[in-house]
PDB file of N, CA and C in Angstrom:
ATOM      1  N   UNK A   1       1.505 -12.023 110.723  1.00  0.00           N
ATOM      2  CA  UNK A   1       2.867 -12.082 110.267  1.00  0.00           C
ATOM      3  C   UNK A   1       3.075 -13.392 109.495  1.00  0.00           C
ATOM      4  N   UNK A   2       3.629 -13.272 108.306  1.00  0.00           N
ATOM      5  CA  UNK A   2       3.810 -14.477 107.492  1.00  0.00           C
ATOM      6  C   UNK A   2       5.185 -15.077 107.719  1.00  0.00           C
ATOM      7  N   UNK A   3       5.210 -16.372 107.529  1.00  0.00           N
ATOM      8  CA  UNK A   3       6.460 -17.120 107.709  1.00  0.00           C
ATOM      9  C   UNK A   3       7.248 -17.062 106.391  1.00  0.00           C
ATOM     10  N   UNK A   4       8.558 -16.950 106.476  1.00  0.00           N
ATOM     11  CA  UNK A   4       9.340 -16.969 105.233  1.00  0.00           C
ATOM     12  C   UNK A   4       9.228 -18.342 104.560  1.00  0.00           C
ATOM     13  N   UNK A   5       9.230 -18.309 103.241  1.00  0.00           N
ATOM     14  CA  UNK A   5       9.113 -19.545 102.466  1.00  0.00           C
ATOM     15  C   UNK A   5      10.430 -20.310 102.518  1.00  0.00           C
ATOM     16  N   UNK A   6      10.302 -21.615 102.636  1.00  0.00           N
ATOM     17  CA  UNK A   6      11.501 -22.454 102.683  1.00  0.00           C
ATOM     18  C   UNK A   6      12.106 -22.546 101.288  1.00  0.00           C
ATOM     19  N   UNK A   7      13.428 -22.460 101.204  1.00  0.00           N
ATOM     20  CA  UNK A   7      14.119 -22.519  99.921  1.00  0.00           C
ATOM     21  C   UNK A   7      14.062 -23.930  99.333  1.00  0.00           C
ATOM     22  N   UNK A   8      13.803 -23.983  98.038  1.00  0.00           N
ATOM     23  CA  UNK A   8      13.774 -25.275  97.354  1.00  0.00           C
ATOM     24  C   UNK A   8      15.188 -25.753  97.029  1.00  0.00           C
ATOM     25  N   UNK A   9      16.104 -24.812  96.830  1.00  0.00           N
ATOM     26  CA  UNK A   9      17.483 -25.147  96.469  1.00  0.00           C
ATOM     27  C   UNK A   9      18.432 -24.451  97.431  1.00  0.00           C
ATOM     28  N   UNK A  10      19.526 -25.101  97.720  1.00  0.00           N
ATOM     29  CA  UNK A  10      20.489 -24.590  98.694  1.00  0.00           C
ATOM     30  C   UNK A  10      21.223 -23.343  98.201  1.00  0.00           C
ATOM     31  N   UNK A  11      21.403 -23.249  96.872  1.00  0.00           N
ATOM     32  CA  UNK A  11      22.140 -22.104  96.327  1.00  0.00           C
ATOM     33  C   UNK A  11      21.637 -21.799  94.925  1.00  0.00           C
ATOM     34  N   UNK A  12      22.121 -20.678  94.379  1.00  0.00           N
ATOM     35  CA  UNK A  12      21.769 -20.331  92.997  1.00  0.00           C
ATOM     36  C   UNK A  12      22.317 -21.377  92.035  1.00  0.00           C
ATOM     37  N   UNK A  13      23.483 -21.903  92.323  1.00  0.00           N
ATOM     38  CA  UNK A  13      24.077 -22.936  91.467  1.00  0.00           C
ATOM     39  C   UNK A  13      23.215 -24.193  91.457  1.00  0.00           C
ATOM     40  N   UNK A  14      22.687 -24.576  92.599  1.00  0.00           N
ATOM     41  CA  UNK A  14      21.821 -25.753  92.679  1.00  0.00           C
ATOM     42  C   UNK A  14      20.525 -25.508  91.907  1.00  0.00           C
ATOM     43  N   UNK A  15      20.007 -24.277  91.989  1.00  0.00           N
ATOM     44  CA  UNK A  15      18.785 -23.932  91.249  1.00  0.00           C
ATOM     45  C   UNK A  15      19.039 -24.017  89.752  1.00  0.00           C
ATOM     46  N   UNK A  16      20.164 -23.512  89.275  1.00  0.00           N
ATOM     47  CA  UNK A  16      20.521 -23.572  87.862  1.00  0.00           C
ATOM     48  C   UNK A  16      20.721 -25.012  87.392  1.00  0.00           C
ATOM     49  N   UNK A  17      21.349 -25.820  88.237  1.00  0.00           N
ATOM     50  CA  UNK A  17      21.564 -27.233  87.886  1.00  0.00           C
ATOM     51  C   UNK A  17      20.227 -27.950  87.736  1.00  0.00           C
ATOM     52  N   UNK A  18      19.292 -27.658  88.623  1.00  0.00           N
ATOM     53  CA  UNK A  18      17.961 -28.272  88.537  1.00  0.00           C
ATOM     54  C   UNK A  18      17.251 -27.822  87.263  1.00  0.00           C
ATOM     55  N   UNK A  19      17.408 -26.558  86.900  1.00  0.00           N
ATOM     56  CA  UNK A  19      16.798 -26.034  85.679  1.00  0.00           C
ATOM     57  C   UNK A  19      17.369 -26.745  84.450  1.00  0.00           C
ATOM     58  N   UNK A  20      18.694 -26.863  84.386  1.00  0.00           N
ATOM     59  CA  UNK A  20      19.327 -27.539  83.246  1.00  0.00           C
ATOM     60  C   UNK A  20      18.872 -28.999  83.150  1.00  0.00           C
ATOM     61  N   UNK A  21      18.721 -29.643  84.276  1.00  0.00           N
ATOM     62  CA  UNK A  21      18.262 -31.039  84.290  1.00  0.00           C
ATOM     63  C   UNK A  21      16.837 -31.139  83.735  1.00  0.00           C
ATOM     64  N   UNK A  22      15.963 -30.207  84.143  1.00  0.00           N
ATOM     65  CA  UNK A  22      14.583 -30.205  83.621  1.00  0.00           C
ATOM     66  C   UNK A  22      14.563 -29.953  82.111  1.00  0.00           C
ATOM     67  N   UNK A  23      15.415 -29.050  81.629  1.00  0.00           N
ATOM     68  CA  UNK A  23      15.473 -28.747  80.201  1.00  0.00           C
ATOM     69  C   UNK A  23      15.958 -29.955  79.404  1.00  0.00           C
ATOM     70  N   UNK A  24      16.975 -30.627  79.901  1.00  0.00           N
ATOM     71  CA  UNK A  24      17.495 -31.821  79.233  1.00  0.00           C
ATOM     72  C   UNK A  24      16.432 -32.910  79.174  1.00  0.00           C
ATOM     73  N   UNK A  25      15.730 -33.105  80.258  1.00  0.00           N
ATOM     74  CA  UNK A  25      14.670 -34.112  80.307  1.00  0.00           C
ATOM     75  C   UNK A  25      13.558 -33.771  79.313  1.00  0.00           C
ATOM     76  N   UNK A  26      13.211 -32.496  79.213  1.00  0.00           N
ATOM     77  CA  UNK A  26      12.169 -32.071  78.269  1.00  0.00           C
ATOM     78  C   UNK A  26      12.602 -32.323  76.831  1.00  0.00           C
ATOM     79  N   UNK A  27      13.869 -32.029  76.481  1.00  0.00           N
ATOM     80  CA  UNK A  27      14.373 -32.287  75.134  1.00  0.00           C
ATOM     81  C   UNK A  27      14.358 -33.781  74.810  1.00  0.00           C
ATOM     82  N   UNK A  28      14.782 -34.600  75.773  1.00  0.00           N
ATOM     83  CA  UNK A  28      14.783 -36.052  75.557  1.00  0.00           C
ATOM     84  C   UNK A  28      13.364 -36.574  75.355  1.00  0.00           C
ATOM     85  N   UNK A  29      12.409 -36.042  76.099  1.00  0.00           N
ATOM     86  CA  UNK A  29      11.014 -36.456  75.969  1.00  0.00           C
ATOM     87  C   UNK A  29      10.467 -36.075  74.592  1.00  0.00           C
ATOM     88  N   UNK A  30      10.829 -34.895  74.115  1.00  0.00           N
ATOM     89  CA  UNK A  30      10.382 -34.463  72.791  1.00  0.00           C
ATOM     90  C   UNK A  30      10.926 -35.381  71.706  1.00  0.00           C
ATOM     91  N   UNK A  31      12.204 -35.738  71.794  1.00  0.00           N
ATOM     92  CA  UNK A  31      12.789 -36.665  70.823  1.00  0.00           C
ATOM     93  C   UNK A  31      12.121 -38.031  70.903  1.00  0.00           C
ATOM     94  N   UNK A  32      11.836 -38.490  72.102  1.00  0.00           N
ATOM     95  CA  UNK A  32      11.191 -39.793  72.281  1.00  0.00           C
ATOM     96  C   UNK A  32       9.809 -39.790  71.638  1.00  0.00           C
ATOM     97  N   UNK A  33       9.052 -38.707  71.812  1.00  0.00           N
ATOM     98  CA  UNK A  33       7.716 -38.616  71.213  1.00  0.00           C
ATOM     99  C   UNK A  33       7.775 -38.656  69.696  1.00  0.00           C
ATOM    100  N   UNK A  34       8.850 -38.116  69.127  1.00  0.00           N
ATOM    101  CA  UNK A  34       9.022 -38.125  67.681  1.00  0.00           C
ATOM    102  C   UNK A  34       9.562 -39.457  67.180  1.00  0.00           C
ATOM    103  N   UNK A  35       9.930 -40.344  68.092  1.00  0.00           N
ATOM    104  CA  UNK A  35      10.466 -41.641  67.704  1.00  0.00           C
ATOM    105  C   UNK A  35      11.940 -41.597  67.345  1.00  0.00           C
ATOM    106  N   UNK A  36      12.636 -40.554  67.800  1.00  0.00           N
ATOM    107  CA  UNK A  36      14.054 -40.417  67.488  1.00  0.00           C
ATOM    108  C   UNK A  36      14.897 -40.852  68.674  1.00  0.00           C
ATOM    109  N   UNK A  37      16.063 -41.434  68.413  1.00  0.00           N
ATOM    110  CA  UNK A  37      16.944 -41.801  69.518  1.00  0.00           C
ATOM    111  C   UNK A  37      17.487 -40.555  70.203  1.00  0.00           C
ATOM    112  N   UNK A  38      17.956 -40.680  71.447  1.00  0.00           N
ATOM    113  CA  UNK A  38      18.469 -39.513  72.164  1.00  0.00           C
ATOM    114  C   UNK A  38      19.748 -38.958  71.521  1.00  0.00           C
ATOM    115  N   UNK A  39      20.035 -37.708  71.839  1.00  0.00           N
ATOM    116  CA  UNK A  39      21.251 -37.069  71.347  1.00  0.00           C
ATOM    117  C   UNK A  39      22.471 -37.749  71.951  1.00  0.00           C
ATOM    118  N   UNK A  40      23.610 -37.683  71.273  1.00  0.00           N
ATOM    119  CA  UNK A  40      24.819 -38.288  71.843  1.00  0.00           C
ATOM    120  C   UNK A  40      25.228 -37.572  73.131  1.00  0.00           C
ATOM    121  N   UNK A  41      25.903 -38.296  74.007  1.00  0.00           N
ATOM    122  CA  UNK A  41      26.315 -37.734  75.296  1.00  0.00           C
ATOM    123  C   UNK A  41      27.309 -36.597  75.121  1.00  0.00           C
ATOM    124  N   UNK A  42      28.183 -36.709  74.155  1.00  0.00           N
ATOM    125  CA  UNK A  42      29.176 -35.678  73.896  1.00  0.00           C
ATOM    126  C   UNK A  42      28.659 -34.809  72.751  1.00  0.00           C
ATOM    127  N   UNK A  43      28.544 -33.511  72.996  1.00  0.00           N
ATOM    128  CA  UNK A  43      27.934 -32.613  72.018  1.00  0.00           C
ATOM    129  C   UNK A  43      28.650 -32.599  70.672  1.00  0.00           C
ATOM    130  N   UNK A  44      29.948 -32.858  70.646  1.00  0.00           N
ATOM    131  CA  UNK A  44      30.690 -32.824  69.391  1.00  0.00           C
ATOM    132  C   UNK A  44      30.632 -34.153  68.643  1.00  0.00           C
ATOM    133  N   UNK A  45      30.057 -35.171  69.246  1.00  0.00           N
ATOM    134  CA  UNK A  45      29.951 -36.488  68.610  1.00  0.00           C
ATOM    135  C   UNK A  45      28.770 -36.477  67.643  1.00  0.00           C
ATOM    136  N   UNK A  46      28.959 -36.954  66.414  1.00  0.00           N
ATOM    137  CA  UNK A  46      27.849 -36.970  65.464  1.00  0.00           C
ATOM    138  C   UNK A  46      26.710 -37.859  65.956  1.00  0.00           C
ATOM    139  N   UNK A  47      25.515 -37.448  65.673  1.00  0.00           N
ATOM    140  CA  UNK A  47      24.339 -38.221  66.055  1.00  0.00           C
ATOM    141  C   UNK A  47      23.887 -39.106  64.904  1.00  0.00           C
ATOM    142  N   UNK A  48      24.778 -39.973  64.407  1.00  0.00           N
ATOM    143  CA  UNK A  48      24.471 -40.786  63.223  1.00  0.00           C
ATOM    144  C   UNK A  48      23.185 -41.592  63.375  1.00  0.00           C
ATOM    145  N   UNK A  49      22.989 -42.219  64.506  1.00  0.00           N
ATOM    146  CA  UNK A  49      21.772 -43.016  64.698  1.00  0.00           C
ATOM    147  C   UNK A  49      20.541 -42.123  64.649  1.00  0.00           C
ATOM    148  N   UNK A  50      20.629 -40.954  65.279  1.00  0.00           N
ATOM    149  CA  UNK A  50      19.500 -40.022  65.303  1.00  0.00           C
ATOM    150  C   UNK A  50      19.227 -39.493  63.897  1.00  0.00           C
ATOM    151  N   UNK A  51      20.284 -39.121  63.188  1.00  0.00           N
ATOM    152  CA  UNK A  51      20.103 -38.610  61.833  1.00  0.00           C
ATOM    153  C   UNK A  51      19.537 -39.685  60.916  1.00  0.00           C
ATOM    154  N   UNK A  52      20.050 -40.881  61.042  1.00  0.00           N
ATOM    155  CA  UNK A  52      19.563 -41.986  60.219  1.00  0.00           C
ATOM    156  C   UNK A  52      18.082 -42.237  60.464  1.00  0.00           C
ATOM    157  N   UNK A  53      17.689 -42.221  61.731  1.00  0.00           N
ATOM    158  CA  UNK A  53      16.283 -42.438  62.073  1.00  0.00           C
ATOM    159  C   UNK A  53      15.411 -41.303  61.538  1.00  0.00           C
ATOM    160  N   UNK A  54      15.878 -40.071  61.625  1.00  0.00           N
ATOM    161  CA  UNK A  54      15.113 -38.923  61.124  1.00  0.00           C
ATOM    162  C   UNK A  54      14.917 -39.031  59.612  1.00  0.00           C
ATOM    163  N   UNK A  55      15.956 -39.449  58.891  1.00  0.00           N
ATOM    164  CA  UNK A  55      15.844 -39.613  57.446  1.00  0.00           C
ATOM    165  C   UNK A  55      14.870 -40.740  57.120  1.00  0.00           C
ATOM    166  N   UNK A  56      14.914 -41.822  57.890  1.00  0.00           N
ATOM    167  CA  UNK A  56      13.982 -42.938  57.670  1.00  0.00           C
ATOM    168  C   UNK A  56      12.541 -42.493  57.897  1.00  0.00           C
ATOM    169  N   UNK A  57      12.307 -41.693  58.919  1.00  0.00           N
ATOM    170  CA  UNK A  57      10.960 -41.181  59.196  1.00  0.00           C
ATOM    171  C   UNK A  57      10.500 -40.284  58.052  1.00  0.00           C
ATOM    172  N   UNK A  58      11.381 -39.403  57.586  1.00  0.00           N
ATOM    173  CA  UNK A  58      11.047 -38.506  56.480  1.00  0.00           C
ATOM    174  C   UNK A  58      10.733 -39.307  55.211  1.00  0.00           C
ATOM    175  N   UNK A  59      11.557 -40.314  54.945  1.00  0.00           N
ATOM    176  CA  UNK A  59      11.340 -41.150  53.766  1.00  0.00           C
ATOM    177  C   UNK A  59       9.993 -41.860  53.838  1.00  0.00           C
ATOM    178  N   UNK A  60       9.653 -42.361  55.013  1.00  0.00           N
ATOM    179  CA  UNK A  60       8.367 -43.053  55.200  1.00  0.00           C
ATOM    180  C   UNK A  60       7.197 -42.091  54.969  1.00  0.00           C
ATOM    181  N   UNK A  61       7.297 -40.898  55.521  1.00  0.00           N
ATOM    182  CA  UNK A  61       6.231 -39.910  55.362  1.00  0.00           C
ATOM    183  C   UNK A  61       6.080 -39.490  53.903  1.00  0.00           C
ATOM    184  N   UNK A  62       7.186 -39.238  53.224  1.00  0.00           N
ATOM    185  CA  UNK A  62       7.126 -38.845  51.819  1.00  0.00           C
ATOM    186  C   UNK A  62       6.587 -39.973  50.938  1.00  0.00           C
ATOM    187  N   UNK A  63       6.926 -41.210  51.269  1.00  0.00           N
ATOM    188  CA  UNK A  63       6.387 -42.353  50.526  1.00  0.00           C
ATOM    189  C   UNK A  63       4.875 -42.416  50.680  1.00  0.00           C
ATOM    190  N   UNK A  64       4.404 -42.199  51.898  1.00  0.00           N
ATOM    191  CA  UNK A  64       2.967 -42.206  52.161  1.00  0.00           C
ATOM    192  C   UNK A  64       2.262 -41.112  51.367  1.00  0.00           C
ATOM    193  N   UNK A  65       2.842 -39.920  51.336  1.00  0.00           N
ATOM    194  CA  UNK A  65       2.252 -38.809  50.587  1.00  0.00           C
ATOM    195  C   UNK A  65       2.214 -39.137  49.094  1.00  0.00           C
ATOM    196  N   UNK A  66       3.300 -39.678  48.561  1.00  0.00           N
ATOM    197  CA  UNK A  66       3.347 -40.030  47.139  1.00  0.00           C
ATOM    198  C   UNK A  66       2.288 -41.076  46.799  1.00  0.00           C
ATOM    199  N   UNK A  67       2.105 -42.052  47.673  1.00  0.00           N
ATOM    200  CA  UNK A  67       1.086 -43.081  47.436  1.00  0.00           C
ATOM    201  C   UNK A  67      -0.316 -42.495  47.467  1.00  0.00           C
ATOM    202  N   UNK A  68      -0.578 -41.579  48.395  1.00  0.00           N
ATOM    203  CA  UNK A  68      -1.885 -40.923  48.461  1.00  0.00           C
ATOM    204  C   UNK A  68      -2.136 -40.090  47.212  1.00  0.00           C
ATOM    205  N   UNK A  69      -1.109 -39.369  46.778  1.00  0.00           N
ATOM    206  CA  UNK A  69      -1.256 -38.545  45.577  1.00  0.00           C
ATOM    207  C   UNK A  69      -1.501 -39.424  44.343  1.00  0.00           C
ATOM    208  N   UNK A  70      -0.822 -40.564  44.269  1.00  0.00           N
ATOM    209  CA  UNK A  70      -1.015 -41.475  43.135  1.00  0.00           C
ATOM    210  C   UNK A  70      -2.419 -42.068  43.163  1.00  0.00           C
ATOM    211  N   UNK A  71      -2.901 -42.427  44.327  1.00  0.00           N
ATOM    212  CA  UNK A  71      -4.263 -42.961  44.445  1.00  0.00           C
ATOM    213  C   UNK A  71      -5.281 -41.903  44.030  1.00  0.00           C
ATOM    214  N   UNK A  72      -5.060 -40.654  44.430  1.00  0.00           N
ATOM    215  CA  UNK A  72      -5.939 -39.558  44.043  1.00  0.00           C
ATOM    216  C   UNK A  72      -5.967 -39.430  42.526  1.00  0.00           C
ATOM    217  N   UNK A  73      -4.803 -39.504  41.907  1.00  0.00           N
ATOM    218  CA  UNK A  73      -4.690 -39.396  40.453  1.00  0.00           C
ATOM    219  C   UNK A  73      -5.466 -40.523  39.766  1.00  0.00           C
ATOM    220  N   UNK A  74      -5.287 -41.736  40.270  1.00  0.00           N
ATOM    221  CA  UNK A  74      -5.920 -42.898  39.650  1.00  0.00           C
ATOM    222  C   UNK A  74      -7.438 -42.909  39.818  1.00  0.00           C
ATOM    223  N   UNK A  75      -7.956 -42.244  40.861  1.00  0.00           N
ATOM    224  CA  UNK A  75      -9.402 -42.181  41.085  1.00  0.00           C
ATOM    225  C   UNK A  75     -10.092 -41.192  40.149  1.00  0.00           C
ATOM    226  N   UNK A  76      -9.342 -40.318  39.522  1.00  0.00           N
ATOM    227  CA  UNK A  76      -9.910 -39.319  38.631  1.00  0.00           C
ATOM    228  C   UNK A  76     -10.147 -39.906  37.250  1.00  0.00           C
ATOM    229  N   UNK A  77     -11.006 -39.222  36.496  1.00  0.00           N
ATOM    230  CA  UNK A  77     -11.327 -39.681  35.143  1.00  0.00           C
ATOM    231  C   UNK A  77     -10.108 -39.528  34.235  1.00  0.00           C
ATOM    232  N   UNK A  78     -10.142 -40.239  33.128  1.00  0.00           N
ATOM    233  CA  UNK A  78      -9.056 -40.162  32.159  1.00  0.00           C
ATOM    234  C   UNK A  78      -8.946 -38.745  31.603  1.00  0.00           C
ATOM    235  N   UNK A  79     -10.098 -38.107  31.444  1.00  0.00           N
ATOM    236  CA  UNK A  79     -10.107 -36.725  30.950  1.00  0.00           C
ATOM    237  C   UNK A  79      -9.361 -35.811  31.937  1.00  0.00           C
ATOM    238  N   UNK A  80      -9.611 -35.979  33.237  1.00  0.00           N
ATOM    239  CA  UNK A  80      -8.925 -35.153  34.243  1.00  0.00           C
ATOM    240  C   UNK A  80      -7.427 -35.461  34.250  1.00  0.00           C
ATOM    241  N   UNK A  81      -7.089 -36.749  34.148  1.00  0.00           N
ATOM    242  CA  UNK A  81      -5.683 -37.150  34.182  1.00  0.00           C
ATOM    243  C   UNK A  81      -4.882 -36.502  33.060  1.00  0.00           C
ATOM    244  N   UNK A  82      -5.532 -36.285  31.911  1.00  0.00           N
ATOM    245  CA  UNK A  82      -4.850 -35.705  30.764  1.00  0.00           C
ATOM    246  C   UNK A  82      -5.020 -34.191  30.683  1.00  0.00           C
ATOM    247  N   UNK A  83      -5.708 -33.619  31.656  1.00  0.00           N
ATOM    248  CA  UNK A  83      -5.999 -32.186  31.639  1.00  0.00           C
ATOM    249  C   UNK A  83      -4.815 -31.358  32.144  1.00  0.00           C
ATOM    250  N   UNK A  84      -5.040 -30.036  32.174  1.00  0.00           N
ATOM    251  CA  UNK A  84      -4.022 -29.105  32.664  1.00  0.00           C
ATOM    252  C   UNK A  84      -3.717 -29.325  34.144  1.00  0.00           C
ATOM    253  N   UNK A  85      -4.625 -29.961  34.848  1.00  0.00           N
ATOM    254  CA  UNK A  85      -4.413 -30.223  36.275  1.00  0.00           C
ATOM    255  C   UNK A  85      -3.838 -31.612  36.521  1.00  0.00           C
ATOM    256  N   UNK A  86      -4.225 -32.567  35.712  1.00  0.00           N
ATOM    257  CA  UNK A  86      -3.794 -33.947  35.925  1.00  0.00           C
ATOM    258  C   UNK A  86      -2.331 -34.192  35.608  1.00  0.00           C
ATOM    259  N   UNK A  87      -1.890 -33.671  34.483  1.00  0.00           N
ATOM    260  CA  UNK A  87      -0.504 -33.909  34.078  1.00  0.00           C
ATOM    261  C   UNK A  87       0.499 -33.294  35.064  1.00  0.00           C
ATOM    262  N   UNK A  88       0.323 -32.033  35.493  1.00  0.00           N
ATOM    263  CA  UNK A  88       1.253 -31.496  36.500  1.00  0.00           C
ATOM    264  C   UNK A  88       1.187 -32.259  37.824  1.00  0.00           C
ATOM    265  N   UNK A  89       0.011 -32.742  38.168  1.00  0.00           N
ATOM    266  CA  UNK A  89      -0.130 -33.524  39.401  1.00  0.00           C
ATOM    267  C   UNK A  89       0.718 -34.783  39.306  1.00  0.00           C
ATOM    268  N   UNK A  90       0.620 -35.477  38.184  1.00  0.00           N
ATOM    269  CA  UNK A  90       1.387 -36.711  38.009  1.00  0.00           C
ATOM    270  C   UNK A  90       2.884 -36.407  37.988  1.00  0.00           C
ATOM    271  N   UNK A  91       3.253 -35.270  37.443  1.00  0.00           N
ATOM    272  CA  UNK A  91       4.665 -34.875  37.426  1.00  0.00           C
ATOM    273  C   UNK A  91       5.159 -34.640  38.855  1.00  0.00           C
ATOM    274  N   UNK A  92       4.338 -34.015  39.705  1.00  0.00           N
ATOM    275  CA  UNK A  92       4.719 -33.804  41.109  1.00  0.00           C
ATOM    276  C   UNK A  92       4.868 -35.131  41.840  1.00  0.00           C
ATOM    277  N   UNK A  93       3.988 -36.083  41.533  1.00  0.00           N
ATOM    278  CA  UNK A  93       4.090 -37.408  42.149  1.00  0.00           C
ATOM    279  C   UNK A  93       5.429 -38.037  41.771  1.00  0.00           C
ATOM    280  N   UNK A  94       5.790 -37.928  40.510  1.00  0.00           N
ATOM    281  CA  UNK A  94       7.058 -38.509  40.057  1.00  0.00           C
ATOM    282  C   UNK A  94       8.255 -37.818  40.700  1.00  0.00           C
ATOM    283  N   UNK A  95       8.193 -36.499  40.824  1.00  0.00           N
ATOM    284  CA  UNK A  95       9.281 -35.759  41.474  1.00  0.00           C
ATOM    285  C   UNK A  95       9.415 -36.170  42.935  1.00  0.00           C
ATOM    286  N   UNK A  96       8.290 -36.361  43.592  1.00  0.00           N
ATOM    287  CA  UNK A  96       8.305 -36.796  44.987  1.00  0.00           C
ATOM    288  C   UNK A  96       8.900 -38.193  45.103  1.00  0.00           C
ATOM    289  N   UNK A  97       8.545 -39.073  44.171  1.00  0.00           N
ATOM    290  CA  UNK A  97       9.108 -40.424  44.184  1.00  0.00           C
ATOM    291  C   UNK A  97      10.617 -40.392  43.947  1.00  0.00           C
ATOM    292  N   UNK A  98      11.071 -39.475  43.098  1.00  0.00           N
ATOM    293  CA  UNK A  98      12.506 -39.317  42.865  1.00  0.00           C
ATOM    294  C   UNK A  98      13.222 -38.887  44.150  1.00  0.00           C
ATOM    295  N   UNK A  99      12.581 -38.012  44.922  1.00  0.00           N
ATOM    296  CA  UNK A  99      13.153 -37.576  46.196  1.00  0.00           C
ATOM    297  C   UNK A  99      13.259 -38.754  47.159  1.00  0.00           C
ATOM    298  N   UNK A 100      12.208 -39.558  47.219  1.00  0.00           N
ATOM    299  CA  UNK A 100      12.219 -40.744  48.092  1.00  0.00           C
ATOM    300  C   UNK A 100      13.339 -41.682  47.686  1.00  0.00           C
ATOM    301  N   UNK A 101      13.498 -41.888  46.379  1.00  0.00           N
ATOM    302  CA  UNK A 101      14.561 -42.761  45.888  1.00  0.00           C
ATOM    303  C   UNK A 101      15.935 -42.194  46.255  1.00  0.00           C
ATOM    304  N   UNK A 102      16.091 -40.883  46.153  1.00  0.00           N
ATOM    305  CA  UNK A 102      17.367 -40.247  46.498  1.00  0.00           C
ATOM    306  C   UNK A 102      17.655 -40.398  47.986  1.00  0.00           C
ATOM    307  N   UNK A 103      16.619 -40.300  48.821  1.00  0.00           N
ATOM    308  CA  UNK A 103      16.819 -40.454  50.264  1.00  0.00           C
ATOM    309  C   UNK A 103      17.286 -41.856  50.624  1.00  0.00           C
ATOM    310  N   UNK A 104      16.881 -42.836  49.848  1.00  0.00           N
ATOM    311  CA  UNK A 104      17.304 -44.212  50.123  1.00  0.00           C
ATOM    312  C   UNK A 104      18.809 -44.376  49.941  1.00  0.00           C
ATOM    313  N   UNK A 105      19.402 -43.557  49.083  1.00  0.00           N
ATOM    314  CA  UNK A 105      20.841 -43.670  48.868  1.00  0.00           C
ATOM    315  C   UNK A 105      21.637 -42.830  49.847  1.00  0.00           C
ATOM    316  N   UNK A 106      20.976 -41.910  50.555  1.00  0.00           N
ATOM    317  CA  UNK A 106      21.673 -41.039  51.506  1.00  0.00           C
ATOM    318  C   UNK A 106      22.219 -41.829  52.677  1.00  0.00           C
ATOM    319  N   UNK A 107      21.402 -42.666  53.256  1.00  0.00           N
ATOM    320  CA  UNK A 107      21.803 -43.384  54.480  1.00  0.00           C
ATOM    321  C   UNK A 107      21.343 -44.818  54.405  1.00  0.00           C
ATOM    322  N   UNK A 108      22.173 -45.654  53.859  1.00  0.00           N
ATOM    323  CA  UNK A 108      21.816 -47.081  53.805  1.00  0.00           C
ATOM    324  C   UNK A 108      22.895 -47.911  54.420  1.00  0.00           C
TER     325      UNK A 108
END
């Protein structure tokens, strides 16, 4: 004869509260891993600090990509740079740099 299992929570409400707490902790951990500040305590309050940090991270990543693409372009021969592949590549680098510049004006 088996013994009944002891309840982990006193009621269904307590079980739900524990679940919500675990979910909130998991969301906060995910934001922390991404380097973003936590969400505001009040759901209707804007997360300006979080949004600002997310834009800064995006700007940094796009800057890195643009620099890598420019280095790739510069490592190629002059013939390649002026070819059907080189010119569009350089145009994409410039468009990406324009996006980075635009992001700097979004949140400063």
